[in-house]
Amino acid sequence: MKQRVSDVTVVATFLGVLLFLASPASSLRCYTCVSGESWSDCQSTAVVETCSGIRQVSILEQNIFLPAQARQLDLACLSLSAEGTLGAVKGYAYLQQCFYNDKTMCSLIQDDLPPGFRVLTCELCTEDLCNGASSVTIAFSSVLLMAVAVMLRK
């Protein structure tokens, strides 16, 4: 007795194999690093990470809670800097990693930081390795240019 494989089974198998083979090539890759010193220090230790799922986000040793709906968003590369004072000590944090592609997450991070700390820059991008040195320089340059424009306007 010869069994016939249905067209649906063939199509489903083909799509499954295609998705399996395509997923590594289409995964976003980001630079990942953390530093309490500077962007250049962070980038000197950066490694390339394939974004497959987001682990817990931690900034200045403060774990940031991400709501369930945030964990369903598309992925992006994050470049974030923060500063703050704890006691009499001023601290800085510079980090690059995989994150969720939603700019409101930057506000969520700010809200979860300890009192006295603030986010300075929070940039998201969605192309491979887009959170490298040039993206941080562009973000800083944009902020600086806007500050100069405001000062000249007065």
C-alpha atoms as a PDB file:
ATOM      1  CA  MET A   1       0.000   0.000   0.000  1.00  0.00           C
ATOM      2  CA  LYS A   2       1.514   3.229  -1.169  1.00  0.00           C
ATOM      3  CA  GLN A   3       0.830   6.407   0.828  1.00  0.00           C
ATOM      4  CA  ARG A   4       0.613   9.706  -0.925  1.00  0.00           C
ATOM      5  CA  VAL A   5       2.084  12.767   0.749  1.00  0.00           C
ATOM      6  CA  SER A   6      -0.385  15.630   0.633  1.00  0.00           C
ATOM      7  CA  ASP A   7       0.462  18.937  -1.013  1.00  0.00           C
ATOM      8  CA  VAL A   8      -0.112  20.704   2.317  1.00  0.00           C
ATOM      9  CA  THR A   9       2.539  18.546   4.017  1.00  0.00           C
ATOM     10  CA  VAL A  10       5.059  19.259   1.270  1.00  0.00           C
ATOM     11  CA  VAL A  11       4.425  23.020   1.410  1.00  0.00           C
ATOM     12  CA  ALA A  12       4.548  23.082   5.240  1.00  0.00           C
ATOM     13  CA  THR A  13       7.820  21.143   5.278  1.00  0.00           C
ATOM     14  CA  PHE A  14       9.330  23.405   2.619  1.00  0.00           C
ATOM     15  CA  LEU A  15       8.342  26.564   4.534  1.00  0.00           C
ATOM     16  CA  GLY A  16       9.687  25.134   7.789  1.00  0.00           C
ATOM     17  CA  VAL A  17      13.056  24.345   6.226  1.00  0.00           C
ATOM     18  CA  LEU A  18      13.154  27.749   4.509  1.00  0.00           C
ATOM     19  CA  LEU A  19      12.444  29.603   7.776  1.00  0.00           C
ATOM     20  CA  PHE A  20      15.029  27.515   9.610  1.00  0.00           C
ATOM     21  CA  LEU A  21      17.706  28.282   7.025  1.00  0.00           C
ATOM     22  CA  ALA A  22      16.811  31.963   6.682  1.00  0.00           C
ATOM     23  CA  SER A  23      16.648  32.891  10.372  1.00  0.00           C
ATOM     24  CA  PRO A  24      20.390  33.054  11.139  1.00  0.00           C
ATOM     25  CA  ALA A  25      21.036  35.226   8.102  1.00  0.00           C
ATOM     26  CA  SER A  26      18.234  37.646   8.955  1.00  0.00           C
ATOM     27  CA  SER A  27      19.053  37.997  12.670  1.00  0.00           C
ATOM     28  CA  LEU A  28      20.147  41.442  13.771  1.00  0.00           C
ATOM     29  CA  ARG A  29      23.753  41.799  14.954  1.00  0.00           C
ATOM     30  CA  CYS A  30      24.770  44.513  17.431  1.00  0.00           C
ATOM     31  CA  TYR A  31      27.880  45.575  19.274  1.00  0.00           C
ATOM     32  CA  THR A  32      27.710  44.722  22.983  1.00  0.00           C
ATOM     33  CA  CYS A  33      29.790  46.427  25.659  1.00  0.00           C
ATOM     34  CA  VAL A  34      29.535  48.070  29.080  1.00  0.00           C
ATOM     35  CA  SER A  35      31.826  50.655  30.664  1.00  0.00           C
ATOM     36  CA  GLY A  36      31.845  53.061  33.565  1.00  0.00           C
ATOM     37  CA  GLU A  37      34.635  55.108  31.965  1.00  0.00           C
ATOM     38  CA  SER A  38      33.843  56.317  28.426  1.00  0.00           C
ATOM     39  CA  TRP A  39      32.424  55.415  25.020  1.00  0.00           C
ATOM     40  CA  SER A  40      35.913  54.636  23.737  1.00  0.00           C
ATOM     41  CA  ASP A  41      36.554  52.301  26.676  1.00  0.00           C
ATOM     42  CA  CYS A  42      33.229  50.552  26.021  1.00  0.00           C
ATOM     43  CA  GLN A  43      33.932  50.181  22.314  1.00  0.00           C
ATOM     44  CA  SER A  44      37.448  48.877  22.899  1.00  0.00           C
ATOM     45  CA  THR A  45      35.933  45.806  24.579  1.00  0.00           C
ATOM     46  CA  ALA A  46      32.872  45.482  22.326  1.00  0.00           C
ATOM     47  CA  VAL A  47      31.911  42.114  20.900  1.00  0.00           C
ATOM     48  CA  VAL A  48      29.428  41.331  18.139  1.00  0.00           C
ATOM     49  CA  GLU A  49      26.240  39.698  19.387  1.00  0.00           C
ATOM     50  CA  THR A  50      23.469  38.115  17.343  1.00  0.00           C
ATOM     51  CA  CYS A  51      20.165  39.287  18.795  1.00  0.00           C
ATOM     52  CA  SER A  52      18.082  36.198  19.378  1.00  0.00           C
ATOM     53  CA  GLY A  53      16.374  37.182  22.590  1.00  0.00           C
ATOM     54  CA  ILE A  54      16.855  39.899  25.147  1.00  0.00           C
ATOM     55  CA  ARG A  55      18.309  39.143  28.508  1.00  0.00           C
ATOM     56  CA  GLN A  56      17.682  41.315  31.550  1.00  0.00           C
ATOM     57  CA  VAL A  57      18.787  44.906  31.033  1.00  0.00           C
ATOM     58  CA  SER A  58      21.045  46.242  33.780  1.00  0.00           C
ATOM     59  CA  ILE A  59      22.312  49.816  33.982  1.00  0.00           C
ATOM     60  CA  LEU A  60      24.530  51.019  36.834  1.00  0.00           C
ATOM     61  CA  GLU A  61      23.881  47.633  38.474  1.00  0.00           C
ATOM     62  CA  GLN A  62      20.136  48.421  38.473  1.00  0.00           C
ATOM     63  CA  ASN A  63      17.990  45.764  36.767  1.00  0.00           C
ATOM     64  CA  ILE A  64      15.384  47.324  34.491  1.00  0.00           C
ATOM     65  CA  PHE A  65      12.001  45.581  34.445  1.00  0.00           C
ATOM     66  CA  LEU A  66      10.593  45.175  30.956  1.00  0.00           C
ATOM     67  CA  PRO A  67       6.836  44.627  30.681  1.00  0.00           C
ATOM     68  CA  ALA A  68       5.551  41.613  28.745  1.00  0.00           C
ATOM     69  CA  GLN A  69       4.296  43.722  25.815  1.00  0.00           C
ATOM     70  CA  ALA A  70       7.803  45.164  25.358  1.00  0.00           C
ATOM     71  CA  ARG A  71       9.261  41.696  24.975  1.00  0.00           C
ATOM     72  CA  GLN A  72       7.136  41.164  21.846  1.00  0.00           C
ATOM     73  CA  LEU A  73       8.615  44.078  19.889  1.00  0.00           C
ATOM     74  CA  ASP A  74      11.112  43.877  17.043  1.00  0.00           C
ATOM     75  CA  LEU A  75      14.762  44.008  18.012  1.00  0.00           C
ATOM     76  CA  ALA A  76      17.151  46.941  17.671  1.00  0.00           C
ATOM     77  CA  CYS A  77      20.691  47.880  18.638  1.00  0.00           C
ATOM     78  CA  LEU A  78      20.919  50.194  21.644  1.00  0.00           C
ATOM     79  CA  SER A  79      23.559  52.782  22.547  1.00  0.00           C
ATOM     80  CA  LEU A  80      22.881  54.308  25.958  1.00  0.00           C
ATOM     81  CA  SER A  81      24.761  56.573  28.340  1.00  0.00           C
ATOM     82  CA  ALA A  82      23.718  57.623  31.832  1.00  0.00           C
ATOM     83  CA  GLU A  83      25.185  59.624  34.692  1.00  0.00           C
ATOM     84  CA  GLY A  84      24.393  60.145  38.316  1.00  0.00           C
ATOM     85  CA  THR A  85      25.653  60.773  41.801  1.00  0.00           C
ATOM     86  CA  LEU A  86      25.508  58.289  44.625  1.00  0.00           C
ATOM     87  CA  GLY A  87      26.640  59.889  47.849  1.00  0.00           C
ATOM     88  CA  ALA A  88      29.554  62.102  46.835  1.00  0.00           C
ATOM     89  CA  VAL A  89      30.632  59.885  43.954  1.00  0.00           C
ATOM     90  CA  LYS A  90      29.642  60.734  40.389  1.00  0.00           C
ATOM     91  CA  GLY A  91      29.223  57.713  38.153  1.00  0.00           C
ATOM     92  CA  TYR A  92      28.772  57.104  34.452  1.00  0.00           C
ATOM     93  CA  ALA A  93      27.505  54.176  32.419  1.00  0.00           C
ATOM     94  CA  TYR A  94      27.993  53.522  28.722  1.00  0.00           C
ATOM     95  CA  LEU A  95      26.412  50.504  27.131  1.00  0.00           C
ATOM     96  CA  GLN A  96      25.653  48.992  23.760  1.00  0.00           C
ATOM     97  CA  GLN A  97      23.551  45.867  23.313  1.00  0.00           C
ATOM     98  CA  CYS A  98      20.540  44.268  21.678  1.00  0.00           C
ATOM     99  CA  PHE A  99      17.289  45.837  22.826  1.00  0.00           C
ATOM    100  CA  TYR A 100      13.682  46.387  21.747  1.00  0.00           C
ATOM    101  CA  ASN A 101      12.855  48.795  18.929  1.00  0.00           C
ATOM    102  CA  ASP A 102      10.656  51.198  20.849  1.00  0.00           C
ATOM    103  CA  LYS A 103      11.899  54.654  21.857  1.00  0.00           C
ATOM    104  CA  THR A 104       9.510  54.651  24.846  1.00  0.00           C
ATOM    105  CA  MET A 105      11.806  52.025  26.391  1.00  0.00           C
ATOM    106  CA  CYS A 106      14.295  54.869  26.962  1.00  0.00           C
ATOM    107  CA  SER A 107      11.749  56.552  29.256  1.00  0.00           C
ATOM    108  CA  LEU A 108      11.159  53.251  31.030  1.00  0.00           C
ATOM    109  CA  ILE A 109      14.894  52.945  31.683  1.00  0.00           C
ATOM    110  CA  GLN A 110      14.984  56.519  33.032  1.00  0.00           C
ATOM    111  CA  ASP A 111      12.055  55.799  35.357  1.00  0.00           C
ATOM    112  CA  ASP A 112      13.749  52.683  36.769  1.00  0.00           C
ATOM    113  CA  LEU A 113      17.134  54.274  37.480  1.00  0.00           C
ATOM    114  CA  PRO A 114      17.948  55.191  41.089  1.00  0.00           C
ATOM    115  CA  PRO A 115      17.219  58.782  42.194  1.00  0.00           C
ATOM    116  CA  GLY A 116      19.961  61.149  41.089  1.00  0.00           C
ATOM    117  CA  PHE A 117      20.686  59.250  37.872  1.00  0.00           C
ATOM    118  CA  ARG A 118      19.589  60.259  34.395  1.00  0.00           C
ATOM    119  CA  VAL A 119      19.828  58.944  30.853  1.00  0.00           C
ATOM    120  CA  LEU A 120      22.006  61.202  28.699  1.00  0.00           C
ATOM    121  CA  THR A 121      21.634  59.435  25.343  1.00  0.00           C
ATOM    122  CA  CYS A 122      19.441  56.572  24.226  1.00  0.00           C
ATOM    123  CA  GLU A 123      19.738  55.678  20.546  1.00  0.00           C
ATOM    124  CA  LEU A 124      18.111  52.749  18.728  1.00  0.00           C
ATOM    125  CA  CYS A 125      18.899  51.503  15.225  1.00  0.00           C
ATOM    126  CA  THR A 126      17.862  48.457  13.225  1.00  0.00           C
ATOM    127  CA  GLU A 127      20.704  47.627  10.818  1.00  0.00           C
ATOM    128  CA  ASP A 128      23.549  45.198  11.459  1.00  0.00           C
ATOM    129  CA  LEU A 129      26.272  46.692  13.668  1.00  0.00           C
ATOM    130  CA  CYS A 130      24.670  50.142  13.501  1.00  0.00           C
ATOM    131  CA  ASN A 131      25.488  50.964  17.140  1.00  0.00           C
ATOM    132  CA  GLY A 132      29.224  51.322  16.543  1.00  0.00           C
ATOM    133  CA  ALA A 133      31.484  54.310  17.197  1.00  0.00           C
ATOM    134  CA  SER A 134      30.140  56.446  14.352  1.00  0.00           C
ATOM    135  CA  SER A 135      26.529  56.240  15.590  1.00  0.00           C
ATOM    136  CA  VAL A 136      27.532  57.428  19.064  1.00  0.00           C
ATOM    137  CA  THR A 137      29.555  60.292  17.584  1.00  0.00           C
ATOM    138  CA  ILE A 138      26.624  61.342  15.399  1.00  0.00           C
ATOM    139  CA  ALA A 139      24.214  61.232  18.357  1.00  0.00           C
ATOM    140  CA  PHE A 140      26.552  63.329  20.521  1.00  0.00           C
ATOM    141  CA  SER A 141      27.183  65.772  17.664  1.00  0.00           C
ATOM    142  CA  SER A 142      23.436  66.207  17.130  1.00  0.00           C
ATOM    143  CA  VAL A 143      22.851  67.001  20.805  1.00  0.00           C
ATOM    144  CA  LEU A 144      25.781  69.428  20.837  1.00  0.00           C
ATOM    145  CA  LEU A 145      24.574  71.160  17.664  1.00  0.00           C
ATOM    146  CA  MET A 146      21.057  71.569  19.090  1.00  0.00           C
ATOM    147  CA  ALA A 147      22.465  73.021  22.336  1.00  0.00           C
ATOM    148  CA  VAL A 148      24.539  75.574  20.397  1.00  0.00           C
ATOM    149  CA  ALA A 149      21.512  76.514  18.275  1.00  0.00           C
ATOM    150  CA  VAL A 150      19.415  77.132  21.403  1.00  0.00           C
ATOM    151  CA  MET A 151      22.166  79.271  22.954  1.00  0.00           C
ATOM    152  CA  LEU A 152      22.579  81.343  19.776  1.00  0.00           C
ATOM    153  CA  ARG A 153      18.850  81.895  19.517  1.00  0.00           C
ATOM    154  CA  LYS A 154      18.686  83.644  22.892  1.00  0.00           C
END
